[in-house]
PDB file of N, CA and C in Angstrom:
ATOM      1  N   MET A   1      33.856 -27.433  25.664  1.00  0.00           N
ATOM      2  CA  MET A   1      32.433 -27.710  25.605  1.00  0.00           C
ATOM      3  C   MET A   1      31.628 -26.440  25.933  1.00  0.00           C
ATOM      4  N   LYS A   2      32.061 -25.706  26.950  1.00  0.00           N
ATOM      5  CA  LYS A   2      31.371 -24.473  27.301  1.00  0.00           C
ATOM      6  C   LYS A   2      31.491 -23.457  26.176  1.00  0.00           C
ATOM      7  N   THR A   3      32.621 -23.426  25.517  1.00  0.00           N
ATOM      8  CA  THR A   3      32.830 -22.508  24.409  1.00  0.00           C
ATOM      9  C   THR A   3      31.881 -22.831  23.268  1.00  0.00           C
ATOM     10  N   LEU A   4      31.670 -24.100  23.000  1.00  0.00           N
ATOM     11  CA  LEU A   4      30.769 -24.524  21.930  1.00  0.00           C
ATOM     12  C   LEU A   4      29.328 -24.101  22.232  1.00  0.00           C
ATOM     13  N   LYS A   5      28.905 -24.227  23.472  1.00  0.00           N
ATOM     14  CA  LYS A   5      27.559 -23.805  23.870  1.00  0.00           C
ATOM     15  C   LYS A   5      27.414 -22.292  23.723  1.00  0.00           C
ATOM     16  N   LEU A   6      28.438 -21.562  24.125  1.00  0.00           N
ATOM     17  CA  LEU A   6      28.406 -20.112  24.019  1.00  0.00           C
ATOM     18  C   LEU A   6      28.325 -19.673  22.559  1.00  0.00           C
ATOM     19  N   ILE A   7      29.112 -20.297  21.710  1.00  0.00           N
ATOM     20  CA  ILE A   7      29.095 -19.979  20.279  1.00  0.00           C
ATOM     21  C   ILE A   7      27.720 -20.329  19.693  1.00  0.00           C
ATOM     22  N   SER A   8      27.140 -21.427  20.094  1.00  0.00           N
ATOM     23  CA  SER A   8      25.816 -21.838  19.616  1.00  0.00           C
ATOM     24  C   SER A   8      24.766 -20.805  20.006  1.00  0.00           C
ATOM     25  N   LYS A   9      24.842 -20.316  21.228  1.00  0.00           N
ATOM     26  CA  LYS A   9      23.886 -19.309  21.689  1.00  0.00           C
ATOM     27  C   LYS A   9      24.059 -17.996  20.912  1.00  0.00           C
ATOM     28  N   ILE A  10      25.281 -17.614  20.671  1.00  0.00           N
ATOM     29  CA  ILE A  10      25.548 -16.385  19.923  1.00  0.00           C
ATOM     30  C   ILE A  10      25.014 -16.504  18.495  1.00  0.00           C
ATOM     31  N   VAL A  11      25.256 -17.627  17.862  1.00  0.00           N
ATOM     32  CA  VAL A  11      24.768 -17.856  16.494  1.00  0.00           C
ATOM     33  C   VAL A  11      23.239 -17.840  16.484  1.00  0.00           C
ATOM     34  N   LEU A  12      22.617 -18.478  17.461  1.00  0.00           N
ATOM     35  CA  LEU A  12      21.163 -18.506  17.550  1.00  0.00           C
ATOM     36  C   LEU A  12      20.601 -17.091  17.719  1.00  0.00           C
ATOM     37  N   LEU A  13      21.196 -16.294  18.582  1.00  0.00           N
ATOM     38  CA  LEU A  13      20.758 -14.905  18.765  1.00  0.00           C
ATOM     39  C   LEU A  13      20.948 -14.092  17.488  1.00  0.00           C
ATOM     40  N   PHE A  14      22.071 -14.299  16.814  1.00  0.00           N
ATOM     41  CA  PHE A  14      22.325 -13.599  15.565  1.00  0.00           C
ATOM     42  C   PHE A  14      21.236 -13.927  14.538  1.00  0.00           C
ATOM     43  N   LEU A  15      20.911 -15.207  14.405  1.00  0.00           N
ATOM     44  CA  LEU A  15      19.881 -15.631  13.456  1.00  0.00           C
ATOM     45  C   LEU A  15      18.513 -15.057  13.831  1.00  0.00           C
ATOM     46  N   LEU A  16      18.226 -15.005  15.105  1.00  0.00           N
ATOM     47  CA  LEU A  16      16.964 -14.443  15.571  1.00  0.00           C
ATOM     48  C   LEU A  16      16.864 -12.959  15.215  1.00  0.00           C
ATOM     49  N   PHE A  17      17.908 -12.193  15.485  1.00  0.00           N
ATOM     50  CA  PHE A  17      17.913 -10.767  15.143  1.00  0.00           C
ATOM     51  C   PHE A  17      17.846 -10.560  13.635  1.00  0.00           C
ATOM     52  N   ALA A  18      18.532 -11.396  12.882  1.00  0.00           N
ATOM     53  CA  ALA A  18      18.498 -11.283  11.422  1.00  0.00           C
ATOM     54  C   ALA A  18      17.086 -11.534  10.896  1.00  0.00           C
ATOM     55  N   ALA A  19      16.414 -12.520  11.454  1.00  0.00           N
ATOM     56  CA  ALA A  19      15.050 -12.825  11.011  1.00  0.00           C
ATOM     57  C   ALA A  19      14.086 -11.702  11.366  1.00  0.00           C
ATOM     58  N   LEU A  20      14.223 -11.131  12.543  1.00  0.00           N
ATOM     59  CA  LEU A  20      13.333 -10.050  12.966  1.00  0.00           C
ATOM     60  C   LEU A  20      13.572  -8.762  12.196  1.00  0.00           C
ATOM     61  N   SER A  21      14.765  -8.561  11.714  1.00  0.00           N
ATOM     62  CA  SER A  21      15.052  -7.340  10.978  1.00  0.00           C
ATOM     63  C   SER A  21      14.771  -7.475   9.488  1.00  0.00           C
ATOM     64  N   ASN A  22      14.354  -8.645   9.039  1.00  0.00           N
ATOM     65  CA  ASN A  22      14.022  -8.866   7.631  1.00  0.00           C
ATOM     66  C   ASN A  22      12.773  -8.065   7.282  1.00  0.00           C
ATOM     67  N   PRO A  23      12.852  -7.134   6.314  1.00  0.00           N
ATOM     68  CA  PRO A  23      11.715  -6.274   5.975  1.00  0.00           C
ATOM     69  C   PRO A  23      10.479  -7.047   5.521  1.00  0.00           C
ATOM     70  N   SER A  24      10.653  -8.142   4.818  1.00  0.00           N
ATOM     71  CA  SER A  24       9.476  -8.881   4.349  1.00  0.00           C
ATOM     72  C   SER A  24       8.713  -9.490   5.513  1.00  0.00           C
ATOM     73  N   ILE A  25       9.421  -9.918   6.533  1.00  0.00           N
ATOM     74  CA  ILE A  25       8.757 -10.453   7.724  1.00  0.00           C
ATOM     75  C   ILE A  25       8.050  -9.330   8.465  1.00  0.00           C
ATOM     76  N   ALA A  26       8.719  -8.203   8.622  1.00  0.00           N
ATOM     77  CA  ALA A  26       8.111  -7.069   9.311  1.00  0.00           C
ATOM     78  C   ALA A  26       6.900  -6.564   8.554  1.00  0.00           C
ATOM     79  N   GLN A  27       6.980  -6.492   7.228  1.00  0.00           N
ATOM     80  CA  GLN A  27       5.866  -6.015   6.424  1.00  0.00           C
ATOM     81  C   GLN A  27       4.691  -6.979   6.527  1.00  0.00           C
ATOM     82  N   SER A  28       4.961  -8.265   6.485  1.00  0.00           N
ATOM     83  CA  SER A  28       3.903  -9.254   6.600  1.00  0.00           C
ATOM     84  C   SER A  28       3.190  -9.121   7.930  1.00  0.00           C
ATOM     85  N   LYS A  29       3.954  -8.921   8.981  1.00  0.00           N
ATOM     86  CA  LYS A  29       3.396  -8.752  10.309  1.00  0.00           C
ATOM     87  C   LYS A  29       2.526  -7.501  10.360  1.00  0.00           C
ATOM     88  N   GLU A  30       3.015  -6.413   9.741  1.00  0.00           N
ATOM     89  CA  GLU A  30       2.283  -5.150   9.726  1.00  0.00           C
ATOM     90  C   GLU A  30       0.984  -5.294   8.942  1.00  0.00           C
ATOM     91  N   THR A  31       1.008  -5.965   7.807  1.00  0.00           N
ATOM     92  CA  THR A  31      -0.184  -6.148   6.986  1.00  0.00           C
ATOM     93  C   THR A  31      -1.235  -6.944   7.747  1.00  0.00           C
ATOM     94  N   ASP A  32      -0.794  -7.949   8.492  1.00  0.00           N
ATOM     95  CA  ASP A  32      -1.725  -8.779   9.239  1.00  0.00           C
ATOM     96  C   ASP A  32      -2.390  -8.020  10.375  1.00  0.00           C
ATOM     97  N   SER A  33      -1.792  -6.947  10.821  1.00  0.00           N
ATOM     98  CA  SER A  33      -2.331  -6.231  11.970  1.00  0.00           C
ATOM     99  C   SER A  33      -3.182  -5.032  11.570  1.00  0.00           C
ATOM    100  N   LYS A  34      -3.599  -4.965  10.314  1.00  0.00           N
ATOM    101  CA  LYS A  34      -4.392  -3.839   9.832  1.00  0.00           C
ATOM    102  C   LYS A  34      -5.773  -4.300   9.376  1.00  0.00           C
ATOM    103  N   LYS A  35      -6.725  -3.370   9.458  1.00  0.00           N
ATOM    104  CA  LYS A  35      -8.041  -3.522   8.851  1.00  0.00           C
ATOM    105  C   LYS A  35      -8.167  -2.390   7.847  1.00  0.00           C
ATOM    106  N   TYR A  36      -8.880  -2.655   6.774  1.00  0.00           N
ATOM    107  CA  TYR A  36      -9.043  -1.675   5.717  1.00  0.00           C
ATOM    108  C   TYR A  36     -10.527  -1.358   5.581  1.00  0.00           C
ATOM    109  N   ILE A  37     -10.819  -0.080   5.383  1.00  0.00           N
ATOM    110  CA  ILE A  37     -12.202   0.377   5.308  1.00  0.00           C
ATOM    111  C   ILE A  37     -12.383   1.176   4.026  1.00  0.00           C
ATOM    112  N   LYS A  38     -13.478   0.873   3.318  1.00  0.00           N
ATOM    113  CA  LYS A  38     -13.846   1.650   2.131  1.00  0.00           C
ATOM    114  C   LYS A  38     -15.233   2.239   2.380  1.00  0.00           C
ATOM    115  N   LEU A  39     -15.337   3.543   2.221  1.00  0.00           N
ATOM    116  CA  LEU A  39     -16.599   4.242   2.439  1.00  0.00           C
ATOM    117  C   LEU A  39     -17.093   4.834   1.127  1.00  0.00           C
ATOM    118  N   GLN A  40     -18.364   4.632   0.825  1.00  0.00           N
ATOM    119  CA  GLN A  40     -19.015   5.314  -0.300  1.00  0.00           C
ATOM    120  C   GLN A  40     -19.777   6.473   0.334  1.00  0.00           C
ATOM    121  N   VAL A  41     -19.359   7.689  -0.046  1.00  0.00           N
ATOM    122  CA  VAL A  41     -19.878   8.887   0.608  1.00  0.00           C
ATOM    123  C   VAL A  41     -20.599   9.763  -0.414  1.00  0.00           C
ATOM    124  N   ASP A  42     -21.794  10.176  -0.066  1.00  0.00           N
ATOM    125  CA  ASP A  42     -22.561  11.065  -0.927  1.00  0.00           C
ATOM    126  C   ASP A  42     -22.334  12.508  -0.484  1.00  0.00           C
ATOM    127  N   GLY A  43     -22.003  13.376  -1.441  1.00  0.00           N
ATOM    128  CA  GLY A  43     -21.861  14.794  -1.126  1.00  0.00           C
ATOM    129  C   GLY A  43     -20.451  15.329  -1.245  1.00  0.00           C
ATOM    130  N   LEU A  44     -19.463  14.467  -1.450  1.00  0.00           N
ATOM    131  CA  LEU A  44     -18.095  14.960  -1.646  1.00  0.00           C
ATOM    132  C   LEU A  44     -18.039  15.670  -2.995  1.00  0.00           C
ATOM    133  N   ALA A  45     -17.646  16.938  -2.988  1.00  0.00           N
ATOM    134  CA  ALA A  45     -17.669  17.689  -4.242  1.00  0.00           C
ATOM    135  C   ALA A  45     -16.333  18.333  -4.596  1.00  0.00           C
ATOM    136  N   CYS A  46     -15.448  18.459  -3.628  1.00  0.00           N
ATOM    137  CA  CYS A  46     -14.187  19.153  -3.913  1.00  0.00           C
ATOM    138  C   CYS A  46     -13.102  18.673  -2.950  1.00  0.00           C
ATOM    139  N   PRO A  47     -11.847  18.998  -3.243  1.00  0.00           N
ATOM    140  CA  PRO A  47     -10.751  18.580  -2.350  1.00  0.00           C
ATOM    141  C   PRO A  47     -10.901  19.137  -0.934  1.00  0.00           C
ATOM    142  N   PHE A  48     -11.411  20.339  -0.805  1.00  0.00           N
ATOM    143  CA  PHE A  48     -11.594  20.923   0.524  1.00  0.00           C
ATOM    144  C   PHE A  48     -12.593  20.098   1.335  1.00  0.00           C
ATOM    145  N   CYS A  49     -13.688  19.664   0.669  1.00  0.00           N
ATOM    146  CA  CYS A  49     -14.675  18.805   1.336  1.00  0.00           C
ATOM    147  C   CYS A  49     -14.034  17.485   1.771  1.00  0.00           C
ATOM    148  N   ALA A  50     -13.248  16.914   0.846  1.00  0.00           N
ATOM    149  CA  ALA A  50     -12.588  15.639   1.136  1.00  0.00           C
ATOM    150  C   ALA A  50     -11.662  15.788   2.336  1.00  0.00           C
ATOM    151  N   TYR A  51     -10.973  16.923   2.435  1.00  0.00           N
ATOM    152  CA  TYR A  51     -10.089  17.147   3.575  1.00  0.00           C
ATOM    153  C   TYR A  51     -10.888  17.202   4.876  1.00  0.00           C
ATOM    154  N   GLY A  52     -12.057  17.811   4.840  1.00  0.00           N
ATOM    155  CA  GLY A  52     -12.905  17.876   6.037  1.00  0.00           C
ATOM    156  C   GLY A  52     -13.288  16.496   6.525  1.00  0.00           C
ATOM    157  N   LEU A  53     -13.590  15.603   5.586  1.00  0.00           N
ATOM    158  CA  LEU A  53     -13.926  14.225   5.951  1.00  0.00           C
ATOM    159  C   LEU A  53     -12.699  13.505   6.489  1.00  0.00           C
ATOM    160  N   GLU A  54     -11.563  13.682   5.830  1.00  0.00           N
ATOM    161  CA  GLU A  54     -10.324  13.043   6.279  1.00  0.00           C
ATOM    162  C   GLU A  54      -9.991  13.467   7.703  1.00  0.00           C
ATOM    163  N   LYS A  55     -10.168  14.724   7.994  1.00  0.00           N
ATOM    164  CA  LYS A  55      -9.884  15.249   9.332  1.00  0.00           C
ATOM    165  C   LYS A  55     -10.745  14.544  10.387  1.00  0.00           C
ATOM    166  N   LYS A  56     -12.014  14.322  10.070  1.00  0.00           N
ATOM    167  CA  LYS A  56     -12.908  13.619  11.005  1.00  0.00           C
ATOM    168  C   LYS A  56     -12.508  12.149  11.156  1.00  0.00           C
ATOM    169  N   LEU A  57     -12.126  11.517  10.038  1.00  0.00           N
ATOM    170  CA  LEU A  57     -11.747  10.102  10.090  1.00  0.00           C
ATOM    171  C   LEU A  57     -10.438   9.891  10.844  1.00  0.00           C
ATOM    172  N   LYS A  58      -9.578  10.909  10.843  1.00  0.00           N
ATOM    173  CA  LYS A  58      -8.316  10.797  11.575  1.00  0.00           C
ATOM    174  C   LYS A  58      -8.530  10.665  13.079  1.00  0.00           C
ATOM    175  N   ALA A  59      -9.729  10.956  13.539  1.00  0.00           N
ATOM    176  CA  ALA A  59     -10.040  10.804  14.963  1.00  0.00           C
ATOM    177  C   ALA A  59     -10.088   9.335  15.364  1.00  0.00           C
ATOM    178  N   LEU A  60     -10.236   8.440  14.391  1.00  0.00           N
ATOM    179  CA  LEU A  60     -10.202   7.015  14.705  1.00  0.00           C
ATOM    180  C   LEU A  60      -8.794   6.639  15.160  1.00  0.00           C
ATOM    181  N   GLU A  61      -8.710   5.878  16.218  1.00  0.00           N
ATOM    182  CA  GLU A  61      -7.412   5.489  16.772  1.00  0.00           C
ATOM    183  C   GLU A  61      -6.551   4.766  15.747  1.00  0.00           C
ATOM    184  N   GLY A  62      -5.388   5.334  15.431  1.00  0.00           N
ATOM    185  CA  GLY A  62      -4.428   4.703  14.537  1.00  0.00           C
ATOM    186  C   GLY A  62      -4.756   4.795  13.058  1.00  0.00           C
ATOM    187  N   ALA A  63      -5.770   5.571  12.692  1.00  0.00           N
ATOM    188  CA  ALA A  63      -6.158   5.682  11.284  1.00  0.00           C
ATOM    189  C   ALA A  63      -5.031   6.315  10.476  1.00  0.00           C
ATOM    190  N   GLU A  64      -4.793   5.749   9.272  1.00  0.00           N
ATOM    191  CA  GLU A  64      -3.733   6.259   8.410  1.00  0.00           C
ATOM    192  C   GLU A  64      -3.976   5.840   6.970  1.00  0.00           C
ATOM    193  N   ASN A  65      -3.095   6.285   6.097  1.00  0.00           N
ATOM    194  CA  ASN A  65      -3.141   5.955   4.670  1.00  0.00           C
ATOM    195  C   ASN A  65      -4.509   6.217   4.049  1.00  0.00           C
ATOM    196  N   PHE A  66      -4.936   7.452   4.171  1.00  0.00           N
ATOM    197  CA  PHE A  66      -6.207   7.866   3.604  1.00  0.00           C
ATOM    198  C   PHE A  66      -6.082   8.019   2.094  1.00  0.00           C
ATOM    199  N   ASN A  67      -7.106   7.613   1.393  1.00  0.00           N
ATOM    200  CA  ASN A  67      -7.203   7.858  -0.037  1.00  0.00           C
ATOM    201  C   ASN A  67      -8.626   8.329  -0.285  1.00  0.00           C
ATOM    202  N   LEU A  68      -8.762   9.584  -0.673  1.00  0.00           N
ATOM    203  CA  LEU A  68     -10.079  10.151  -0.917  1.00  0.00           C
ATOM    204  C   LEU A  68     -10.218  10.504  -2.387  1.00  0.00           C
ATOM    205  N   ASP A  69     -11.269   9.984  -3.002  1.00  0.00           N
ATOM    206  CA  ASP A  69     -11.572  10.283  -4.387  1.00  0.00           C
ATOM    207  C   ASP A  69     -12.919  10.982  -4.397  1.00  0.00           C
ATOM    208  N   PHE A  70     -12.886  12.317  -4.389  1.00  0.00           N
ATOM    209  CA  PHE A  70     -14.137  13.055  -4.279  1.00  0.00           C
ATOM    210  C   PHE A  70     -14.986  12.934  -5.534  1.00  0.00           C
ATOM    211  N   LYS A  71     -14.371  12.664  -6.682  1.00  0.00           N
ATOM    212  CA  LYS A  71     -15.141  12.504  -7.918  1.00  0.00           C
ATOM    213  C   LYS A  71     -16.008  11.251  -7.873  1.00  0.00           C
ATOM    214  N   LYS A  72     -15.501  10.195  -7.245  1.00  0.00           N
ATOM    215  CA  LYS A  72     -16.247   8.933  -7.142  1.00  0.00           C
ATOM    216  C   LYS A  72     -16.949   8.790  -5.792  1.00  0.00           C
ATOM    217  N   GLY A  73     -16.654   9.707  -4.879  1.00  0.00           N
ATOM    218  CA  GLY A  73     -17.264   9.631  -3.559  1.00  0.00           C
ATOM    219  C   GLY A  73     -16.742   8.490  -2.714  1.00  0.00           C
ATOM    220  N   LEU A  74     -15.464   8.134  -2.909  1.00  0.00           N
ATOM    221  CA  LEU A  74     -14.873   7.021  -2.165  1.00  0.00           C
ATOM    222  C   LEU A  74     -13.807   7.504  -1.196  1.00  0.00           C
ATOM    223  N   ALA A  75     -13.789   6.890  -0.040  1.00  0.00           N
ATOM    224  CA  ALA A  75     -12.740   7.137   0.947  1.00  0.00           C
ATOM    225  C   ALA A  75     -12.258   5.786   1.442  1.00  0.00           C
ATOM    226  N   THR A  76     -10.941   5.593   1.442  1.00  0.00           N
ATOM    227  CA  THR A  76     -10.379   4.369   1.998  1.00  0.00           C
ATOM    228  C   THR A  76      -9.348   4.749   3.047  1.00  0.00           C
ATOM    229  N   LEU A  77      -9.187   3.890   4.038  1.00  0.00           N
ATOM    230  CA  LEU A  77      -8.219   4.121   5.094  1.00  0.00           C
ATOM    231  C   LEU A  77      -7.862   2.815   5.757  1.00  0.00           C
ATOM    232  N   GLU A  78      -6.777   2.859   6.533  1.00  0.00           N
ATOM    233  CA  GLU A  78      -6.323   1.710   7.326  1.00  0.00           C
ATOM    234  C   GLU A  78      -6.454   2.052   8.796  1.00  0.00           C
ATOM    235  N   ILE A  79      -6.791   1.037   9.574  1.00  0.00           N
ATOM    236  CA  ILE A  79      -6.767   1.177  11.027  1.00  0.00           C
ATOM    237  C   ILE A  79      -6.141  -0.093  11.602  1.00  0.00           C
ATOM    238  N   PRO A  80      -5.562   0.005  12.783  1.00  0.00           N
ATOM    239  CA  PRO A  80      -5.036  -1.214  13.418  1.00  0.00           C
ATOM    240  C   PRO A  80      -6.177  -2.203  13.672  1.00  0.00           C
ATOM    241  N   SER A  81      -5.880  -3.478  13.589  1.00  0.00           N
ATOM    242  CA  SER A  81      -6.928  -4.480  13.806  1.00  0.00           C
ATOM    243  C   SER A  81      -7.478  -4.417  15.230  1.00  0.00           C
ATOM    244  N   THR A  82      -6.739  -3.793  16.119  1.00  0.00           N
ATOM    245  CA  THR A  82      -7.208  -3.665  17.501  1.00  0.00           C
ATOM    246  C   THR A  82      -8.216  -2.529  17.674  1.00  0.00           C
ATOM    247  N   THR A  83      -8.293  -1.623  16.690  1.00  0.00           N
ATOM    248  CA  THR A  83      -9.262  -0.530  16.756  1.00  0.00           C
ATOM    249  C   THR A  83     -10.623  -1.059  16.341  1.00  0.00           C
ATOM    250  N   LYS A  84     -11.569  -0.937  17.216  1.00  0.00           N
ATOM    251  CA  LYS A  84     -12.917  -1.420  16.941  1.00  0.00           C
ATOM    252  C   LYS A  84     -13.771  -0.248  16.471  1.00  0.00           C
ATOM    253  N   VAL A  85     -14.386  -0.421  15.318  1.00  0.00           N
ATOM    254  CA  VAL A  85     -15.272   0.610  14.784  1.00  0.00           C
ATOM    255  C   VAL A  85     -16.425  -0.088  14.070  1.00  0.00           C
ATOM    256  N   THR A  86     -17.625   0.463  14.249  1.00  0.00           N
ATOM    257  CA  THR A  86     -18.815  -0.121  13.636  1.00  0.00           C
ATOM    258  C   THR A  86     -19.295   0.748  12.480  1.00  0.00           C
ATOM    259  N   LYS A  87     -20.176   0.192  11.691  1.00  0.00           N
ATOM    260  CA  LYS A  87     -20.774   0.938  10.591  1.00  0.00           C
ATOM    261  C   LYS A  87     -21.518   2.163  11.132  1.00  0.00           C
ATOM    262  N   GLU A  88     -22.183   2.001  12.257  1.00  0.00           N
ATOM    263  CA  GLU A  88     -22.931   3.105  12.851  1.00  0.00           C
ATOM    264  C   GLU A  88     -21.996   4.245  13.281  1.00  0.00           C
ATOM    265  N   GLU A  89     -20.839   3.890  13.851  1.00  0.00           N
ATOM    266  CA  GLU A  89     -19.867   4.917  14.251  1.00  0.00           C
ATOM    267  C   GLU A  89     -19.329   5.657  13.026  1.00  0.00           C
ATOM    268  N   LEU A  90     -19.048   4.907  11.961  1.00  0.00           N
ATOM    269  CA  LEU A  90     -18.568   5.536  10.736  1.00  0.00           C
ATOM    270  C   LEU A  90     -19.636   6.428  10.123  1.00  0.00           C
ATOM    271  N   LYS A  91     -20.883   5.978  10.185  1.00  0.00           N
ATOM    272  CA  LYS A  91     -21.993   6.789   9.674  1.00  0.00           C
ATOM    273  C   LYS A  91     -22.073   8.112  10.429  1.00  0.00           C
ATOM    274  N   GLN A  92     -21.865   8.065  11.743  1.00  0.00           N
ATOM    275  CA  GLN A  92     -21.907   9.287  12.554  1.00  0.00           C
ATOM    276  C   GLN A  92     -20.733  10.209  12.218  1.00  0.00           C
ATOM    277  N   ILE A  93     -19.549   9.646  12.025  1.00  0.00           N
ATOM    278  CA  ILE A  93     -18.374  10.450  11.674  1.00  0.00           C
ATOM    279  C   ILE A  93     -18.596  11.151  10.337  1.00  0.00           C
ATOM    280  N   VAL A  94     -19.100  10.399   9.362  1.00  0.00           N
ATOM    281  CA  VAL A  94     -19.354  10.972   8.030  1.00  0.00           C
ATOM    282  C   VAL A  94     -20.429  12.040   8.123  1.00  0.00           C
ATOM    283  N   SER A  95     -21.461  11.781   8.905  1.00  0.00           N
ATOM    284  CA  SER A  95     -22.542  12.752   9.095  1.00  0.00           C
ATOM    285  C   SER A  95     -22.028  14.025   9.770  1.00  0.00           C
ATOM    286  N   ASP A  96     -21.172  13.854  10.777  1.00  0.00           N
ATOM    287  CA  ASP A  96     -20.587  15.011  11.466  1.00  0.00           C
ATOM    288  C   ASP A  96     -19.729  15.859  10.527  1.00  0.00           C
ATOM    289  N   ALA A  97     -19.191  15.237   9.483  1.00  0.00           N
ATOM    290  CA  ALA A  97     -18.390  15.962   8.498  1.00  0.00           C
ATOM    291  C   ALA A  97     -19.280  16.625   7.448  1.00  0.00           C
ATOM    292  N   GLY A  98     -20.589  16.350   7.508  1.00  0.00           N
ATOM    293  CA  GLY A  98     -21.528  16.996   6.594  1.00  0.00           C
ATOM    294  C   GLY A  98     -21.885  16.179   5.367  1.00  0.00           C
ATOM    295  N   PHE A  99     -21.692  14.862   5.441  1.00  0.00           N
ATOM    296  CA  PHE A  99     -21.960  14.002   4.290  1.00  0.00           C
ATOM    297  C   PHE A  99     -22.871  12.861   4.682  1.00  0.00           C
ATOM    298  N   GLU A 100     -23.289  12.098   3.681  1.00  0.00           N
ATOM    299  CA  GLU A 100     -24.134  10.933   3.919  1.00  0.00           C
ATOM    300  C   GLU A 100     -23.373   9.678   3.525  1.00  0.00           C
ATOM    301  N   LEU A 101     -23.315   8.719   4.432  1.00  0.00           N
ATOM    302  CA  LEU A 101     -22.646   7.448   4.176  1.00  0.00           C
ATOM    303  C   LEU A 101     -23.600   6.527   3.422  1.00  0.00           C
ATOM    304  N   LYS A 102     -23.172   6.105   2.220  1.00  0.00           N
ATOM    305  CA  LYS A 102     -23.999   5.214   1.405  1.00  0.00           C
ATOM    306  C   LYS A 102     -23.683   3.749   1.683  1.00  0.00           C
ATOM    307  N   SER A 103     -22.390   3.423   1.837  1.00  0.00           N
ATOM    308  CA  SER A 103     -22.020   2.032   2.126  1.00  0.00           C
ATOM    309  C   SER A 103     -20.651   1.983   2.785  1.00  0.00           C
ATOM    310  N   VAL A 104     -20.401   0.878   3.467  1.00  0.00           N
ATOM    311  CA  VAL A 104     -19.123   0.627   4.139  1.00  0.00           C
ATOM    312  C   VAL A 104     -18.689  -0.784   3.785  1.00  0.00           C
ATOM    313  N   GLU A 105     -17.400  -0.917   3.525  1.00  0.00           N
ATOM    314  CA  GLU A 105     -16.837  -2.241   3.269  1.00  0.00           C
ATOM    315  C   GLU A 105     -15.601  -2.392   4.140  1.00  0.00           C
ATOM    316  N   PHE A 106     -15.537  -3.473   4.907  1.00  0.00           N
ATOM    317  CA  PHE A 106     -14.386  -3.792   5.740  1.00  0.00           C
ATOM    318  C   PHE A 106     -13.615  -4.929   5.071  1.00  0.00           C
ATOM    319  N   SER A 107     -12.282  -4.894   5.191  1.00  0.00           N
ATOM    320  CA  SER A 107     -11.463  -5.946   4.590  1.00  0.00           C
ATOM    321  C   SER A 107     -10.202  -6.168   5.422  1.00  0.00           C
ATOM    322  N   ASP A 108      -9.664  -7.370   5.319  1.00  0.00           N
ATOM    323  CA  ASP A 108      -8.378  -7.677   5.941  1.00  0.00           C
ATOM    324  C   ASP A 108      -7.226  -7.409   4.979  1.00  0.00           C
ATOM    325  N   LYS A 109      -7.571  -7.076   3.727  1.00  0.00           N
ATOM    326  CA  LYS A 109      -6.566  -6.804   2.694  1.00  0.00           C
ATOM    327  C   LYS A 109      -6.800  -5.408   2.129  1.00  0.00           C
ATOM    328  N   PRO A 110      -5.734  -4.744   1.679  1.00  0.00           N
ATOM    329  CA  PRO A 110      -5.901  -3.404   1.110  1.00  0.00           C
ATOM    330  C   PRO A 110      -6.805  -3.424  -0.112  1.00  0.00           C
ATOM    331  N   PHE A 111      -7.557  -2.353  -0.289  1.00  0.00           N
ATOM    332  CA  PHE A 111      -8.388  -2.205  -1.466  1.00  0.00           C
ATOM    333  C   PHE A 111      -7.529  -1.756  -2.631  1.00  0.00           C
ATOM    334  N   LYS A 112      -7.799  -2.272  -3.800  1.00  0.00           N
ATOM    335  CA  LYS A 112      -7.093  -1.835  -4.987  1.00  0.00           C
ATOM    336  C   LYS A 112      -7.731  -0.545  -5.459  1.00  0.00           C
ATOM    337  N   LYS A 113      -6.878   0.344  -5.954  1.00  0.00           N
ATOM    338  CA  LYS A 113      -7.382   1.576  -6.529  1.00  0.00           C
ATOM    339  C   LYS A 113      -8.054   1.244  -7.847  1.00  0.00           C
ATOM    340  N   GLU A 114      -9.044   2.036  -8.217  1.00  0.00           N
ATOM    341  CA  GLU A 114      -9.797   1.800  -9.438  1.00  0.00           C
ATOM    342  C   GLU A 114      -8.888   1.720 -10.663  1.00  0.00           C
ATOM    343  N   SER A 115      -7.777   2.466 -10.660  1.00  0.00           N
ATOM    344  CA  SER A 115      -6.885   2.491 -11.820  1.00  0.00           C
ATOM    345  C   SER A 115      -5.997   1.259 -11.898  1.00  0.00           C
ATOM    346  N   GLU A 116      -5.936   0.433 -10.855  1.00  0.00           N
ATOM    347  CA  GLU A 116      -5.064  -0.750 -10.848  1.00  0.00           C
ATOM    348  C   GLU A 116      -5.726  -1.919 -11.527  1.00  0.00           C
TER     349      GLU A 116
END
């Protein structure tokens, strides 16, 4: 009887570890813990300018996956859902980089690229 309980516990632990290591579960968890931001920026004219803005945006805690389209004046990025940022803070960051923020869009889902 004790052996059966021990085997049951081992099987349960194995199943638990298998479920936690499943990439689709981990990815789903990761997607749920992100916020996505799209910025319409006036004044982006070249890749060097776009890099200057990206550098300023990287100051946001946990910011990653930047996509800057200087031809369209768009910048998108991800931040952890725990990072709190307001439109006013983003406006100041963009201004500090030498640009003007035209609009901000927040989303719980990734933005599709214009070509998609």
